[in-house]
């Protein structure tokens, strides 16, 4: 996994956590769901990169 990919995935996960926190604070269920989806997407990308690295 390249450093750039790691940074992008970490940023995407951080943005998702932020959205979820703001959604929880404002009782905005849609924003909470978006945040969780962003985090899940980042985790899937991270897992895919780890698989690629395992076969190098």
PDB file of N, CA and C in Angstrom:
ATOM      1  N   UNK A   1       0.852  -1.164   0.000  1.00  0.00           N
ATOM      2  CA  UNK A   1       0.000   0.000   0.000  1.00  0.00           C
ATOM      3  C   UNK A   1       0.897   1.226   0.000  1.00  0.00           C
ATOM      4  N   UNK A   2       0.682   2.085  -0.952  1.00  0.00           N
ATOM      5  CA  UNK A   2       1.522   3.271  -1.028  1.00  0.00           C
ATOM      6  C   UNK A   2       1.143   4.272   0.060  1.00  0.00           C
ATOM      7  N   UNK A   3       2.074   5.143   0.353  1.00  0.00           N
ATOM      8  CA  UNK A   3       1.834   6.150   1.389  1.00  0.00           C
ATOM      9  C   UNK A   3       0.670   7.050   1.009  1.00  0.00           C
ATOM     10  N   UNK A   4       0.565   7.380  -0.268  1.00  0.00           N
ATOM     11  CA  UNK A   4      -0.538   8.225  -0.719  1.00  0.00           C
ATOM     12  C   UNK A   4      -1.891   7.577  -0.499  1.00  0.00           C
ATOM     13  N   UNK A   5      -1.974   6.270  -0.765  1.00  0.00           N
ATOM     14  CA  UNK A   5      -3.225   5.551  -0.540  1.00  0.00           C
ATOM     15  C   UNK A   5      -3.568   5.502   0.944  1.00  0.00           C
ATOM     16  N   UNK A   6      -2.566   5.288   1.769  1.00  0.00           N
ATOM     17  CA  UNK A   6      -2.804   5.252   3.215  1.00  0.00           C
ATOM     18  C   UNK A   6      -3.347   6.584   3.706  1.00  0.00           C
ATOM     19  N   UNK A   7      -2.774   7.672   3.202  1.00  0.00           N
ATOM     20  CA  UNK A   7      -3.216   8.996   3.617  1.00  0.00           C
ATOM     21  C   UNK A   7      -4.643   9.262   3.156  1.00  0.00           C
ATOM     22  N   UNK A   8      -4.941   8.899   1.904  1.00  0.00           N
ATOM     23  CA  UNK A   8      -6.296   9.103   1.389  1.00  0.00           C
ATOM     24  C   UNK A   8      -7.322   8.301   2.185  1.00  0.00           C
ATOM     25  N   UNK A   9      -6.990   7.045   2.487  1.00  0.00           N
ATOM     26  CA  UNK A   9      -7.916   6.211   3.250  1.00  0.00           C
ATOM     27  C   UNK A   9      -8.106   6.749   4.659  1.00  0.00           C
ATOM     28  N   UNK A  10      -7.029   7.190   5.282  1.00  0.00           N
ATOM     29  CA  UNK A  10      -7.133   7.750   6.633  1.00  0.00           C
ATOM     30  C   UNK A  10      -7.961   9.025   6.617  1.00  0.00           C
ATOM     31  N   UNK A  11      -7.776   9.851   5.594  1.00  0.00           N
ATOM     32  CA  UNK A  11      -8.551  11.090   5.488  1.00  0.00           C
ATOM     33  C   UNK A  11     -10.030  10.780   5.290  1.00  0.00           C
ATOM     34  N   UNK A  12     -10.322   9.806   4.430  1.00  0.00           N
ATOM     35  CA  UNK A  12     -11.712   9.438   4.185  1.00  0.00           C
ATOM     36  C   UNK A  12     -12.360   8.901   5.464  1.00  0.00           C
ATOM     37  N   UNK A  13     -11.616   8.114   6.206  1.00  0.00           N
ATOM     38  CA  UNK A  13     -12.142   7.576   7.460  1.00  0.00           C
ATOM     39  C   UNK A  13     -12.366   8.702   8.470  1.00  0.00           C
ATOM     40  N   UNK A  14     -11.437   9.640   8.534  1.00  0.00           N
ATOM     41  CA  UNK A  14     -11.560  10.770   9.460  1.00  0.00           C
ATOM     42  C   UNK A  14     -12.764  11.643   9.102  1.00  0.00           C
ATOM     43  N   UNK A  15     -12.972  11.883   7.815  1.00  0.00           N
ATOM     44  CA  UNK A  15     -14.127  12.660   7.374  1.00  0.00           C
ATOM     45  C   UNK A  15     -15.413  11.944   7.768  1.00  0.00           C
ATOM     46  N   UNK A  16     -15.419  10.629   7.602  1.00  0.00           N
ATOM     47  CA  UNK A  16     -16.594   9.840   7.988  1.00  0.00           C
ATOM     48  C   UNK A  16     -16.876   9.936   9.478  1.00  0.00           C
ATOM     49  N   UNK A  17     -15.827   9.880  10.285  1.00  0.00           N
ATOM     50  CA  UNK A  17     -16.011  10.005  11.735  1.00  0.00           C
ATOM     51  C   UNK A  17     -16.549  11.385  12.093  1.00  0.00           C
ATOM     52  N   UNK A  18     -16.052  12.398  11.383  1.00  0.00           N
ATOM     53  CA  UNK A  18     -16.535  13.759  11.625  1.00  0.00           C
ATOM     54  C   UNK A  18     -18.004  13.908  11.277  1.00  0.00           C
ATOM     55  N   UNK A  19     -18.396  13.371  10.122  1.00  0.00           N
ATOM     56  CA  UNK A  19     -19.799  13.428   9.719  1.00  0.00           C
ATOM     57  C   UNK A  19     -20.680  12.715  10.740  1.00  0.00           C
ATOM     58  N   UNK A  20     -20.210  11.558  11.183  1.00  0.00           N
ATOM     59  CA  UNK A  20     -20.996  10.796  12.159  1.00  0.00           C
ATOM     60  C   UNK A  20     -21.146  11.576  13.459  1.00  0.00           C
ATOM     61  N   UNK A  21     -20.070  12.212  13.914  1.00  0.00           N
ATOM     62  CA  UNK A  21     -20.115  12.974  15.164  1.00  0.00           C
ATOM     63  C   UNK A  21     -21.061  14.169  15.042  1.00  0.00           C
ATOM     64  N   UNK A  22     -20.975  14.881  13.926  1.00  0.00           N
ATOM     65  CA  UNK A  22     -21.860  16.034  13.722  1.00  0.00           C
ATOM     66  C   UNK A  22     -23.305  15.560  13.620  1.00  0.00           C
ATOM     67  N   UNK A  23     -23.520  14.459  12.927  1.00  0.00           N
ATOM     68  CA  UNK A  23     -24.866  13.910  12.811  1.00  0.00           C
ATOM     69  C   UNK A  23     -25.443  13.514  14.160  1.00  0.00           C
ATOM     70  N   UNK A  24     -24.614  12.908  15.007  1.00  0.00           N
ATOM     71  CA  UNK A  24     -25.070  12.543  16.345  1.00  0.00           C
ATOM     72  C   UNK A  24     -25.385  13.782  17.180  1.00  0.00           C
ATOM     73  N   UNK A  25     -24.554  14.803  17.059  1.00  0.00           N
ATOM     74  CA  UNK A  25     -24.746  16.025  17.843  1.00  0.00           C
ATOM     75  C   UNK A  25     -25.998  16.786  17.423  1.00  0.00           C
ATOM     76  N   UNK A  26     -26.358  16.683  16.140  1.00  0.00           N
ATOM     77  CA  UNK A  26     -27.507  17.430  15.630  1.00  0.00           C
ATOM     78  C   UNK A  26     -28.730  16.550  15.397  1.00  0.00           C
ATOM     79  N   UNK A  27     -28.668  15.316  15.821  1.00  0.00           N
ATOM     80  CA  UNK A  27     -29.756  14.348  15.603  1.00  0.00           C
ATOM     81  C   UNK A  27     -30.121  14.224  14.128  1.00  0.00           C
ATOM     82  N   UNK A  28     -29.098  14.224  13.265  1.00  0.00           N
ATOM     83  CA  UNK A  28     -29.285  14.101  11.823  1.00  0.00           C
ATOM     84  C   UNK A  28     -28.893  12.679  11.423  1.00  0.00           C
ATOM     85  N   UNK A  29     -29.895  11.823  11.310  1.00  0.00           N
ATOM     86  CA  UNK A  29     -29.642  10.412  11.005  1.00  0.00           C
ATOM     87  C   UNK A  29     -29.002  10.222   9.637  1.00  0.00           C
ATOM     88  N   UNK A  30     -29.345  11.073   8.673  1.00  0.00           N
ATOM     89  CA  UNK A  30     -28.776  10.961   7.331  1.00  0.00           C
ATOM     90  C   UNK A  30     -27.271  11.206   7.374  1.00  0.00           C
ATOM     91  N   UNK A  31     -26.836  12.199   8.133  1.00  0.00           N
ATOM     92  CA  UNK A  31     -25.416  12.511   8.241  1.00  0.00           C
ATOM     93  C   UNK A  31     -24.663  11.405   8.983  1.00  0.00           C
ATOM     94  N   UNK A  32     -25.294  10.829   9.979  1.00  0.00           N
ATOM     95  CA  UNK A  32     -24.688   9.703  10.696  1.00  0.00           C
ATOM     96  C   UNK A  32     -24.469   8.542   9.728  1.00  0.00           C
ATOM     97  N   UNK A  33     -25.480   8.254   8.916  1.00  0.00           N
ATOM     98  CA  UNK A  33     -25.378   7.154   7.951  1.00  0.00           C
ATOM     99  C   UNK A  33     -24.289   7.431   6.917  1.00  0.00           C
ATOM    100  N   UNK A  34     -24.199   8.674   6.440  1.00  0.00           N
ATOM    101  CA  UNK A  34     -23.154   9.032   5.476  1.00  0.00           C
ATOM    102  C   UNK A  34     -21.775   8.833   6.096  1.00  0.00           C
ATOM    103  N   UNK A  35     -21.628   9.236   7.348  1.00  0.00           N
ATOM    104  CA  UNK A  35     -20.350   9.080   8.033  1.00  0.00           C
ATOM    105  C   UNK A  35     -19.955   7.629   8.169  1.00  0.00           C
ATOM    106  N   UNK A  36     -20.895   6.801   8.550  1.00  0.00           N
ATOM    107  CA  UNK A  36     -20.613   5.378   8.688  1.00  0.00           C
ATOM    108  C   UNK A  36     -20.279   4.756   7.334  1.00  0.00           C
ATOM    109  N   UNK A  37     -20.959   5.205   6.278  1.00  0.00           N
ATOM    110  CA  UNK A  37     -20.688   4.687   4.935  1.00  0.00           C
ATOM    111  C   UNK A  37     -19.279   5.087   4.485  1.00  0.00           C
ATOM    112  N   UNK A  38     -18.889   6.329   4.761  1.00  0.00           N
ATOM    113  CA  UNK A  38     -17.542   6.777   4.402  1.00  0.00           C
ATOM    114  C   UNK A  38     -16.483   5.949   5.118  1.00  0.00           C
ATOM    115  N   UNK A  39     -16.725   5.673   6.393  1.00  0.00           N
ATOM    116  CA  UNK A  39     -15.778   4.869   7.165  1.00  0.00           C
ATOM    117  C   UNK A  39     -15.697   3.448   6.614  1.00  0.00           C
ATOM    118  N   UNK A  40     -16.834   2.883   6.270  1.00  0.00           N
ATOM    119  CA  UNK A  40     -16.853   1.524   5.735  1.00  0.00           C
ATOM    120  C   UNK A  40     -16.122   1.463   4.400  1.00  0.00           C
ATOM    121  N   UNK A  41     -16.335   2.468   3.558  1.00  0.00           N
ATOM    122  CA  UNK A  41     -15.672   2.506   2.257  1.00  0.00           C
ATOM    123  C   UNK A  41     -14.156   2.582   2.437  1.00  0.00           C
ATOM    124  N   UNK A  42     -13.712   3.403   3.377  1.00  0.00           N
ATOM    125  CA  UNK A  42     -12.271   3.526   3.638  1.00  0.00           C
ATOM    126  C   UNK A  42     -11.704   2.199   4.144  1.00  0.00           C
ATOM    127  N   UNK A  43     -12.438   1.521   4.992  1.00  0.00           N
ATOM    128  CA  UNK A  43     -11.972   0.239   5.526  1.00  0.00           C
ATOM    129  C   UNK A  43     -11.892  -0.835   4.440  1.00  0.00           C
ATOM    130  N   UNK A  44     -12.836  -0.821   3.505  1.00  0.00           N
ATOM    131  CA  UNK A  44     -12.804  -1.785   2.400  1.00  0.00           C
ATOM    132  C   UNK A  44     -11.585  -1.524   1.523  1.00  0.00           C
ATOM    133  N   UNK A  45     -11.325  -0.242   1.236  1.00  0.00           N
ATOM    134  CA  UNK A  45     -10.149   0.102   0.430  1.00  0.00           C
ATOM    135  C   UNK A  45      -8.867  -0.334   1.140  1.00  0.00           C
ATOM    136  N   UNK A  46      -8.830  -0.112   2.442  1.00  0.00           N
ATOM    137  CA  UNK A  46      -7.655  -0.493   3.230  1.00  0.00           C
ATOM    138  C   UNK A  46      -7.445  -2.004   3.172  1.00  0.00           C
ATOM    139  N   UNK A  47      -8.518  -2.758   3.285  1.00  0.00           N
ATOM    140  CA  UNK A  47      -8.420  -4.215   3.236  1.00  0.00           C
ATOM    141  C   UNK A  47      -7.954  -4.681   1.860  1.00  0.00           C
ATOM    142  N   UNK A  48      -8.458  -4.052   0.811  1.00  0.00           N
ATOM    143  CA  UNK A  48      -8.043  -4.406  -0.541  1.00  0.00           C
ATOM    144  C   UNK A  48      -6.566  -4.137  -0.763  1.00  0.00           C
ATOM    145  N   UNK A  49      -6.080  -3.030  -0.263  1.00  0.00           N
ATOM    146  CA  UNK A  49      -4.660  -2.704  -0.390  1.00  0.00           C
ATOM    147  C   UNK A  49      -3.803  -3.686   0.405  1.00  0.00           C
ATOM    148  N   UNK A  50      -4.295  -4.115   1.559  1.00  0.00           N
ATOM    149  CA  UNK A  50      -3.555  -5.094   2.363  1.00  0.00           C
ATOM    150  C   UNK A  50      -3.440  -6.431   1.634  1.00  0.00           C
ATOM    151  N   UNK A  51      -4.498  -6.819   0.926  1.00  0.00           N
ATOM    152  CA  UNK A  51      -4.466  -8.061   0.142  1.00  0.00           C
ATOM    153  C   UNK A  51      -3.428  -7.930  -0.980  1.00  0.00           C
ATOM    154  N   UNK A  52      -3.445  -6.789  -1.650  1.00  0.00           N
ATOM    155  CA  UNK A  52      -2.453  -6.556  -2.717  1.00  0.00           C
ATOM    156  C   UNK A  52      -1.042  -6.655  -2.168  1.00  0.00           C
ATOM    157  N   UNK A  53      -0.822  -6.040  -1.010  1.00  0.00           N
ATOM    158  CA  UNK A  53       0.512  -6.063  -0.403  1.00  0.00           C
ATOM    159  C   UNK A  53       0.938  -7.483  -0.030  1.00  0.00           C
ATOM    160  N   UNK A  54      -0.018  -8.312   0.360  1.00  0.00           N
ATOM    161  CA  UNK A  54       0.308  -9.674   0.771  1.00  0.00           C
ATOM    162  C   UNK A  54       0.822 -10.490  -0.409  1.00  0.00           C
ATOM    163  N   UNK A  55       0.399 -10.159  -1.625  1.00  0.00           N
ATOM    164  CA  UNK A  55       0.823 -10.919  -2.799  1.00  0.00           C
ATOM    165  C   UNK A  55       2.055 -10.351  -3.500  1.00  0.00           C
ATOM    166  N   UNK A  56       2.613  -9.310  -2.933  1.00  0.00           N
ATOM    167  CA  UNK A  56       3.842  -8.731  -3.536  1.00  0.00           C
ATOM    168  C   UNK A  56       5.052  -9.499  -3.114  1.00  0.00           C
TER     169      UNK A  56
END
